[in-house]
Amino acid sequence: MDHEPLKQLFQQEFSKMVAVISRLFGLQHIETAEDIVSETFLQAAETWKKNGLPENPTAWLYAVAKQKTLSHFRRNKIFEQKVIPEVRLTMDAENEITEVNFSNENIKDSQLQMMFAVCNPSIASEAQIGLALRILCGFGIDEIAEAFFTSKETINKRLFRAKEKLRTEKISMELPPEDELTSRLNNVLHIIYLLFNEGYYSKTQNQILQKDLCIEAMRLGVMLTDYEGTNLPKTNALMALMCFHASRFEARKTNDDSFILYEQQNNALWDKELIHRGMHFLGRSAQGNELSSYHIEARIAYWHCIKEDTAEKWEDILRLYDQLLLINYSPGAALNRIFALYKTTGPQAALVEAEQLRLENNHFYYLLLGELYSTSDKVKSTFNYHKAQALAKTETERQSIREKIERLL
């Protein structure tokens, strides 16, 4: 049997099934839910290899998962001693356990509640991302380790600590009260933002993994826009930001995995449909009075979906970076602002501010200095390009910098 259909189903259905089973029995049994779902897919691999793919593979998985869930809790004392008191079942236990509801509505509700549980602020941010990839997106430990450039052992430890927090903090699978929803949503949006960045700015050479990370972040964002309580302007702003960036995904890489700078990208490869979707979400984000960093970053990303260099484009980008730094300062945003200043006023004013920034461990900083000095002082330009080359993280980046140095000679 071709393993690709099963792999796709695992990616699509693992998180749904874990969410539904965890919602039924509580997050303290999340590892049991994972085991049940993993056993279901193992049985699928063995059965389908022998008998072929069933007519409705998803329905087959749900039916087997239901049977395994019922069987597990019938034969384990944990059902009587812990599950019943904790979920406060008022109906007959035997009848209640048979209702493992894999309807579309219950799956959606369960995943939404799981999202808020996983993104609880009591769990460390890095562990939240790993847990989101595993529980919300169905990624394997190998894939998560590759995305984070670390070992499977490290990822397993992070996931173990995160699940311990779920238990010790008694985090439940439910949406926060209305008066807490907005503040808790901020954390959920931040994790989705970080998850998208793990894919879009990833240093892994696995292009499929890079794209999958971005797609999963966008899927979680769409889930939030489908629920009235979380369909807020800032949610739509984040969706717009991700759509605009994702629209250029295919144009950023060549077949040999070389990284293509924005200025060199073929805009014919940009995804026009995603740009259109980004405009839709950007329009929806304009409601209300709140201006989040996602609003500003989305507007900057929108300008980068217009290839032509115009004074209006770079003046607005510079203004937007000024706003962004007031709301959410970061060295990266400050560096990008200086590039916008360079595009607006020329290298001299940009050099004055760049020299003050002093991001001495950032190769992008020296790359910008090399560019700013390229027309006035070739010695300083070459010096800064060499510094950037020494700090660059990948061979493709180093090769790109070597080409800039060669053009100066």
Protein backbone atom coordinates (compact mmCIF):
# COMPACT_ATOMS: atom_id res chain seq x y z
CA MET A 1 0.00 0.00 0.00
CA ASP A 2 1.17 3.52 -0.83
CA HIS A 3 1.92 5.22 2.52
CA GLU A 4 1.23 8.73 1.22
CA PRO A 5 -2.60 8.64 1.74
CA LEU A 6 -2.11 7.42 5.32
CA LYS A 7 0.51 10.11 5.99
CA GLN A 8 -1.87 12.79 4.68
CA LEU A 9 -4.69 11.43 6.82
CA PHE A 10 -2.43 11.42 9.87
CA GLN A 11 -1.60 15.09 9.26
CA GLN A 12 -5.27 15.96 8.80
CA GLU A 13 -6.97 13.80 11.43
CA PHE A 14 -4.50 13.17 14.29
CA SER A 15 -5.07 16.54 15.96
CA LYS A 16 -8.85 16.34 15.52
CA MET A 17 -9.09 12.92 17.13
CA VAL A 18 -6.79 13.81 20.02
CA ALA A 19 -8.79 16.99 20.66
CA VAL A 20 -12.15 15.19 20.73
CA ILE A 21 -10.93 12.40 23.05
CA SER A 22 -9.11 14.86 25.34
CA ARG A 23 -12.21 17.05 25.54
CA LEU A 24 -14.24 14.03 26.64
CA PHE A 25 -11.88 12.79 29.36
CA GLY A 26 -9.81 15.86 30.29
CA LEU A 27 -6.33 17.13 29.51
CA GLN A 28 -4.83 15.06 32.33
CA HIS A 29 -5.33 12.09 29.95
CA ILE A 30 -3.91 13.74 26.83
CA GLU A 31 -1.14 11.15 26.50
CA THR A 32 -3.73 8.40 26.63
CA ALA A 33 -5.64 10.19 23.86
CA GLU A 34 -2.43 10.34 21.79
CA ASP A 35 -1.81 6.63 22.39
CA ILE A 36 -5.33 5.69 21.31
CA VAL A 37 -5.05 7.72 18.11
CA SER A 38 -1.55 6.36 17.38
CA GLU A 39 -2.82 2.80 17.85
CA THR A 40 -5.70 3.59 15.48
CA PHE A 41 -3.30 4.67 12.74
CA LEU A 42 -1.07 1.63 13.38
CA GLN A 43 -4.09 -0.64 12.94
CA ALA A 44 -5.00 1.28 9.77
CA ALA A 45 -1.52 0.72 8.32
CA GLU A 46 -1.71 -3.02 9.02
CA THR A 47 -5.33 -3.50 7.90
CA TRP A 48 -5.17 -1.35 4.78
CA LYS A 49 -1.95 -3.01 3.64
CA LYS A 50 -3.80 -6.33 3.70
CA ASN A 51 -7.28 -5.28 2.53
CA GLY A 52 -6.66 -2.07 0.63
CA LEU A 53 -7.93 1.45 1.34
CA PRO A 54 -11.53 1.52 2.64
CA GLU A 55 -14.20 3.47 0.79
CA ASN A 56 -14.24 6.19 3.48
CA PRO A 57 -10.86 6.13 5.29
CA THR A 58 -11.73 8.99 7.65
CA ALA A 59 -14.95 7.32 8.81
CA TRP A 60 -12.97 4.07 9.31
CA LEU A 61 -10.46 5.89 11.53
CA TYR A 62 -13.20 7.55 13.60
CA ALA A 63 -15.03 4.23 14.09
CA VAL A 64 -11.89 2.41 15.23
CA ALA A 65 -10.89 5.32 17.50
CA LYS A 66 -14.34 5.20 19.12
CA GLN A 67 -13.97 1.46 19.76
CA LYS A 68 -10.48 1.84 21.20
CA THR A 69 -11.57 4.73 23.43
CA LEU A 70 -14.47 2.74 24.85
CA SER A 71 -12.34 -0.38 25.27
CA HIS A 72 -9.55 1.49 27.04
CA PHE A 73 -11.73 3.14 29.65
CA ARG A 74 -13.77 0.04 30.27
CA ARG A 75 -10.73 -2.03 31.14
CA ASN A 76 -8.90 0.58 33.19
CA LYS A 77 -9.83 1.53 36.72
CA ILE A 78 -8.94 5.12 35.87
CA PHE A 79 -12.39 5.47 34.31
CA GLU A 80 -14.21 4.82 37.58
CA GLN A 81 -11.68 6.32 39.97
CA LYS A 82 -10.66 9.51 38.16
CA VAL A 83 -12.57 10.29 34.99
CA ILE A 84 -16.09 10.07 36.36
CA PRO A 85 -15.46 12.37 39.37
CA GLU A 86 -13.47 14.89 37.36
CA VAL A 87 -15.89 15.30 34.46
CA ARG A 88 -18.87 14.92 36.86
CA LEU A 89 -20.89 12.58 34.68
CA THR A 90 -24.53 12.57 35.71
CA MET A 91 -25.69 10.02 33.19
CA ASP A 92 -25.02 6.32 33.23
CA ALA A 93 -21.27 5.91 32.71
CA GLU A 94 -21.61 3.06 30.21
CA ASN A 95 -23.89 5.11 27.95
CA GLU A 96 -21.86 8.31 28.28
CA ILE A 97 -18.56 6.71 27.28
CA THR A 98 -20.03 5.36 24.04
CA GLU A 99 -20.64 8.91 22.80
CA VAL A 100 -17.30 9.76 21.19
CA ASN A 101 -18.58 12.46 18.90
CA PHE A 102 -16.54 13.02 15.72
CA SER A 103 -19.04 15.36 14.10
CA ASN A 104 -17.57 18.37 12.27
CA GLU A 105 -19.05 20.76 14.83
CA ASN A 106 -17.64 18.86 17.82
CA ILE A 107 -14.23 18.54 16.17
CA LYS A 108 -14.13 22.29 15.54
CA ASP A 109 -15.21 23.11 19.12
CA SER A 110 -12.71 20.62 20.57
CA GLN A 111 -9.80 21.97 18.53
CA LEU A 112 -10.65 25.55 19.45
CA GLN A 113 -10.71 24.67 23.15
CA MET A 114 -7.49 22.68 22.77
CA MET A 115 -5.83 25.70 21.15
CA PHE A 116 -6.51 27.85 24.22
CA ALA A 117 -5.37 25.04 26.54
CA VAL A 118 -2.09 24.49 24.67
CA CYS A 119 -1.43 28.25 24.52
CA ASN A 120 -1.94 28.74 28.25
CA PRO A 121 0.59 31.34 29.50
CA SER A 122 1.69 29.05 32.34
CA ILE A 123 3.49 26.92 29.72
CA ALA A 124 6.81 28.24 28.38
CA SER A 125 6.50 29.81 24.94
CA GLU A 126 8.95 27.42 23.26
CA ALA A 127 7.11 24.44 24.73
CA GLN A 128 3.79 25.88 23.58
CA ILE A 129 5.00 25.90 19.98
CA GLY A 130 6.19 22.31 20.23
CA LEU A 131 2.92 21.23 21.85
CA ALA A 132 0.93 23.12 19.20
CA LEU A 133 2.85 21.34 16.43
CA ARG A 134 2.25 17.97 18.05
CA ILE A 135 -1.29 18.25 19.40
CA LEU A 136 -2.90 20.89 17.17
CA CYS A 137 -1.09 20.13 13.91
CA GLY A 138 -0.23 16.43 14.13
CA PHE A 139 3.51 16.78 13.44
CA GLY A 140 5.81 13.91 14.37
CA ILE A 141 8.67 14.28 16.86
CA ASP A 142 11.24 14.02 14.03
CA GLU A 143 9.62 16.89 12.15
CA ILE A 144 9.40 19.10 15.24
CA ALA A 145 13.05 18.41 16.06
CA GLU A 146 14.05 19.34 12.50
CA ALA A 147 11.98 22.54 12.62
CA PHE A 148 13.71 23.59 15.86
CA PHE A 149 17.18 22.40 14.80
CA THR A 150 17.43 20.21 17.88
CA SER A 151 17.27 16.56 18.92
CA LYS A 152 14.26 14.31 19.41
CA GLU A 153 15.30 13.91 23.05
CA THR A 154 15.12 17.67 23.61
CA ILE A 155 11.68 17.87 22.00
CA ASN A 156 10.38 14.94 24.05
CA LYS A 157 11.58 16.66 27.23
CA ARG A 158 9.86 19.92 26.25
CA LEU A 159 6.63 18.10 25.47
CA PHE A 160 6.81 16.15 28.73
CA ARG A 161 7.25 19.37 30.74
CA ALA A 162 4.41 21.05 28.84
CA LYS A 163 2.05 18.13 29.50
CA GLU A 164 3.06 18.11 33.17
CA LYS A 165 2.01 21.78 33.31
CA LEU A 166 -1.36 20.86 31.81
CA ARG A 167 -1.80 18.40 34.67
CA THR A 168 -0.30 20.30 37.60
CA GLU A 169 -1.99 23.60 36.70
CA LYS A 170 -5.26 21.71 36.14
CA ILE A 171 -5.71 23.42 32.78
CA SER A 172 -9.09 22.50 31.37
CA MET A 173 -10.31 22.27 27.80
CA GLU A 174 -12.72 25.17 27.65
CA LEU A 175 -12.83 28.64 26.21
CA PRO A 176 -11.94 31.37 28.71
CA PRO A 177 -14.76 33.49 30.18
CA GLU A 178 -15.76 36.41 27.97
CA ASP A 179 -13.93 38.95 30.17
CA GLU A 180 -10.66 36.95 29.80
CA LEU A 181 -11.04 35.93 26.18
CA THR A 182 -9.30 38.95 24.62
CA SER A 183 -6.23 38.78 26.86
CA ARG A 184 -5.90 35.00 26.40
CA LEU A 185 -6.38 35.42 22.67
CA ASN A 186 -3.25 37.58 22.59
CA ASN A 187 -1.20 34.58 23.67
CA VAL A 188 -2.86 32.28 21.13
CA LEU A 189 -2.21 34.75 18.30
CA HIS A 190 1.40 35.12 19.41
CA ILE A 191 1.98 31.36 19.27
CA ILE A 192 0.41 31.17 15.79
CA TYR A 193 2.63 34.08 14.72
CA LEU A 194 5.73 32.28 16.04
CA LEU A 195 4.62 29.03 14.42
CA PHE A 196 4.28 30.76 11.04
CA ASN A 197 7.71 32.35 11.45
CA GLU A 198 9.22 28.92 12.24
CA GLY A 199 8.16 27.94 8.73
CA TYR A 200 8.66 31.15 6.77
CA TYR A 201 12.08 32.05 8.19
CA SER A 202 13.19 28.49 8.90
CA LYS A 203 16.79 27.50 8.22
CA THR A 204 15.85 23.84 7.63
CA GLN A 205 16.52 22.60 4.10
CA ASN A 206 13.21 20.68 4.11
CA GLN A 207 10.98 22.88 1.93
CA ILE A 208 7.93 20.66 2.48
CA LEU A 209 8.27 21.05 6.25
CA GLN A 210 8.74 24.82 5.91
CA LYS A 211 5.55 25.14 3.89
CA ASP A 212 3.58 22.75 6.14
CA LEU A 213 4.43 24.86 9.20
CA CYS A 214 3.05 27.97 7.48
CA ILE A 215 -0.07 26.16 6.28
CA GLU A 216 -0.81 24.83 9.77
CA ALA A 217 -0.40 28.29 11.32
CA MET A 218 -2.85 29.69 8.77
CA ARG A 219 -5.30 26.83 9.41
CA LEU A 220 -5.31 27.67 13.13
CA GLY A 221 -5.83 31.34 12.30
CA VAL A 222 -8.80 30.52 10.07
CA MET A 223 -10.28 28.48 12.93
CA LEU A 224 -10.19 31.59 15.11
CA THR A 225 -11.86 33.75 12.44
CA ASP A 226 -14.68 31.17 12.19
CA TYR A 227 -15.62 31.66 15.86
CA GLU A 228 -17.44 34.88 16.72
CA GLY A 229 -15.70 35.39 20.06
CA THR A 230 -12.21 35.28 18.52
CA ASN A 231 -13.01 36.79 15.12
CA LEU A 232 -11.55 40.14 16.18
CA PRO A 233 -9.72 42.77 14.08
CA LYS A 234 -6.31 41.64 15.34
CA THR A 235 -7.09 38.03 14.39
CA ASN A 236 -7.89 39.14 10.85
CA ALA A 237 -4.77 41.32 10.80
CA LEU A 238 -2.61 38.28 11.62
CA MET A 239 -4.37 36.30 8.90
CA ALA A 240 -3.68 39.11 6.41
CA LEU A 241 -0.02 39.18 7.42
CA MET A 242 0.36 35.42 6.94
CA CYS A 243 -1.47 35.46 3.58
CA PHE A 244 0.74 38.23 2.20
CA HIS A 245 3.94 36.49 3.28
CA ALA A 246 2.77 33.05 2.16
CA SER A 247 1.90 34.42 -1.28
CA ARG A 248 5.63 34.77 -1.99
CA PHE A 249 6.61 31.36 -0.63
CA GLU A 250 7.20 29.66 -4.00
CA ALA A 251 9.19 32.61 -5.34
CA ARG A 252 11.68 32.59 -2.45
CA LYS A 253 13.38 29.28 -3.29
CA THR A 254 14.96 27.77 -6.40
CA ASN A 255 14.93 24.07 -7.27
CA ASP A 256 18.36 23.63 -5.67
CA ASP A 257 17.08 25.27 -2.45
CA SER A 258 18.92 28.55 -2.93
CA PHE A 259 17.31 31.51 -1.21
CA ILE A 260 16.11 34.27 -3.54
CA LEU A 261 16.16 37.82 -2.18
CA TYR A 262 12.97 39.87 -2.46
CA GLU A 263 14.46 42.19 -5.11
CA GLN A 264 15.33 39.21 -7.31
CA GLN A 265 12.05 37.32 -7.00
CA ASN A 266 9.89 36.66 -10.05
CA ASN A 267 6.58 38.22 -9.04
CA ALA A 268 4.81 36.08 -11.64
CA LEU A 269 5.32 33.24 -9.13
CA TRP A 270 3.53 35.12 -6.35
CA ASP A 271 0.19 33.55 -5.42
CA LYS A 272 -2.43 36.10 -6.52
CA GLU A 273 -5.23 34.24 -4.75
CA LEU A 274 -3.41 34.45 -1.40
CA ILE A 275 -2.77 38.16 -1.97
CA HIS A 276 -6.49 38.59 -2.64
CA ARG A 277 -7.30 36.68 0.56
CA GLY A 278 -4.85 38.87 2.43
CA MET A 279 -6.67 41.97 1.18
CA HIS A 280 -9.94 40.46 2.38
CA PHE A 281 -8.59 39.88 5.90
CA LEU A 282 -6.88 43.29 5.92
CA GLY A 283 -10.24 44.92 5.17
CA ARG A 284 -11.90 43.00 8.01
CA SER A 285 -9.08 44.01 10.38
CA ALA A 286 -9.91 47.70 9.89
CA GLN A 287 -13.00 47.48 12.13
CA GLY A 288 -12.75 48.76 15.70
CA ASN A 289 -10.29 51.11 17.39
CA GLU A 290 -7.40 48.77 18.30
CA LEU A 291 -4.15 49.04 16.34
CA SER A 292 -2.03 45.94 16.98
CA SER A 293 1.44 45.12 15.73
CA TYR A 294 -0.22 42.60 13.41
CA HIS A 295 -2.11 45.45 11.71
CA ILE A 296 1.11 47.33 11.04
CA GLU A 297 3.10 44.28 9.94
CA ALA A 298 0.25 43.24 7.64
CA ARG A 299 0.28 46.66 5.99
CA ILE A 300 4.06 46.45 5.51
CA ALA A 301 3.67 42.94 4.06
CA TYR A 302 0.98 44.29 1.71
CA TRP A 303 3.44 46.82 0.28
CA HIS A 304 5.86 43.96 -0.37
CA CYS A 305 3.22 42.37 -2.58
CA ILE A 306 3.71 45.34 -4.91
CA LYS A 307 7.02 44.85 -6.71
CA GLU A 308 7.49 48.36 -8.08
CA ASP A 309 9.66 50.77 -6.05
CA THR A 310 7.87 54.08 -5.59
CA ALA A 311 8.34 57.00 -3.23
CA GLU A 312 4.84 56.41 -1.84
CA LYS A 313 5.65 52.76 -1.05
CA TRP A 314 8.82 53.39 0.94
CA GLU A 315 7.54 56.52 2.67
CA ASP A 316 4.54 54.59 3.94
CA ILE A 317 6.71 51.62 4.97
CA LEU A 318 8.99 53.99 6.90
CA ARG A 319 5.97 55.55 8.65
CA LEU A 320 4.63 52.09 9.48
CA TYR A 321 7.95 51.01 11.01
CA ASP A 322 7.94 54.17 13.14
CA GLN A 323 4.52 53.11 14.47
CA LEU A 324 5.57 49.49 14.95
CA LEU A 325 8.61 50.42 17.03
CA LEU A 326 6.40 52.47 19.36
CA ILE A 327 4.01 49.53 19.86
CA ASN A 328 6.40 46.59 19.82
CA TYR A 329 10.11 47.43 19.63
CA SER A 330 12.47 44.78 18.31
CA PRO A 331 16.00 45.00 16.87
CA GLY A 332 14.81 43.34 13.67
CA ALA A 333 12.09 45.94 13.14
CA ALA A 334 14.58 48.73 13.91
CA LEU A 335 16.94 47.32 11.28
CA ASN A 336 14.15 47.06 8.71
CA ARG A 337 13.18 50.65 9.44
CA ILE A 338 16.72 51.80 8.59
CA PHE A 339 16.47 50.00 5.23
CA ALA A 340 13.20 51.85 4.58
CA LEU A 341 14.93 55.10 5.55
CA TYR A 342 17.71 54.28 3.05
CA LYS A 343 15.15 53.68 0.30
CA THR A 344 13.42 56.96 1.16
CA THR A 345 16.28 59.40 1.78
CA GLY A 346 19.46 57.67 0.58
CA PRO A 347 22.44 56.09 2.39
CA GLN A 348 23.82 58.99 4.45
CA ALA A 349 20.90 59.49 6.87
CA ALA A 350 20.50 55.71 7.11
CA LEU A 351 24.20 55.28 7.95
CA VAL A 352 23.99 57.69 10.89
CA GLU A 353 21.17 55.66 12.47
CA ALA A 354 22.63 52.28 11.51
CA GLU A 355 25.95 53.00 13.23
CA GLN A 356 24.02 53.80 16.42
CA LEU A 357 22.08 50.55 16.33
CA ARG A 358 25.18 48.35 16.82
CA LEU A 359 23.63 44.89 16.32
CA GLU A 360 27.04 43.27 16.44
CA ASN A 361 25.92 39.63 16.38
CA ASN A 362 23.43 40.08 13.54
CA HIS A 363 24.65 39.32 10.03
CA PHE A 364 21.74 41.28 8.53
CA TYR A 365 23.09 44.37 10.30
CA TYR A 366 26.48 44.07 8.63
CA LEU A 367 24.78 43.21 5.35
CA LEU A 368 22.89 46.51 5.54
CA LEU A 369 26.07 48.43 6.42
CA GLY A 370 27.77 46.85 3.45
CA GLU A 371 24.95 48.06 1.22
CA LEU A 372 24.94 51.56 2.71
CA TYR A 373 28.73 51.98 2.24
CA SER A 374 28.77 50.41 -1.24
CA THR A 375 28.64 53.73 -3.14
CA SER A 376 30.78 55.86 -0.82
CA ASP A 377 33.48 53.65 0.74
CA LYS A 378 34.24 50.30 -0.89
CA VAL A 379 36.77 49.37 1.82
CA LYS A 380 34.20 49.75 4.63
CA SER A 381 31.57 48.08 2.46
CA THR A 382 33.80 45.05 1.87
CA PHE A 383 34.75 44.92 5.58
CA ASN A 384 31.08 44.80 6.63
CA TYR A 385 30.19 42.22 3.99
CA HIS A 386 32.97 39.98 5.32
CA LYS A 387 31.59 40.40 8.86
CA ALA A 388 28.14 39.46 7.57
CA GLN A 389 29.57 36.42 5.79
CA ALA A 390 31.27 35.21 8.96
CA LEU A 391 28.00 35.45 10.93
CA ALA A 392 25.66 34.05 8.23
CA LYS A 393 23.89 30.85 9.27
CA THR A 394 23.59 29.03 5.93
CA GLU A 395 25.79 28.38 2.92
CA THR A 396 23.25 29.96 0.57
CA GLU A 397 23.43 33.21 2.57
CA ARG A 398 27.22 33.11 2.56
CA GLN A 399 27.26 32.55 -1.21
CA SER A 400 24.95 35.53 -1.75
CA ILE A 401 27.28 37.75 0.32
CA ARG A 402 30.35 36.47 -1.60
CA GLU A 403 28.68 37.62 -4.82
CA LYS A 404 28.16 41.10 -3.35
CA ILE A 405 31.86 41.29 -2.39
CA GLU A 406 32.93 40.18 -5.87
CA ARG A 407 30.83 42.94 -7.45
CA LEU A 408 32.70 45.52 -5.39
CA LEU A 409 36.14 44.35 -6.58
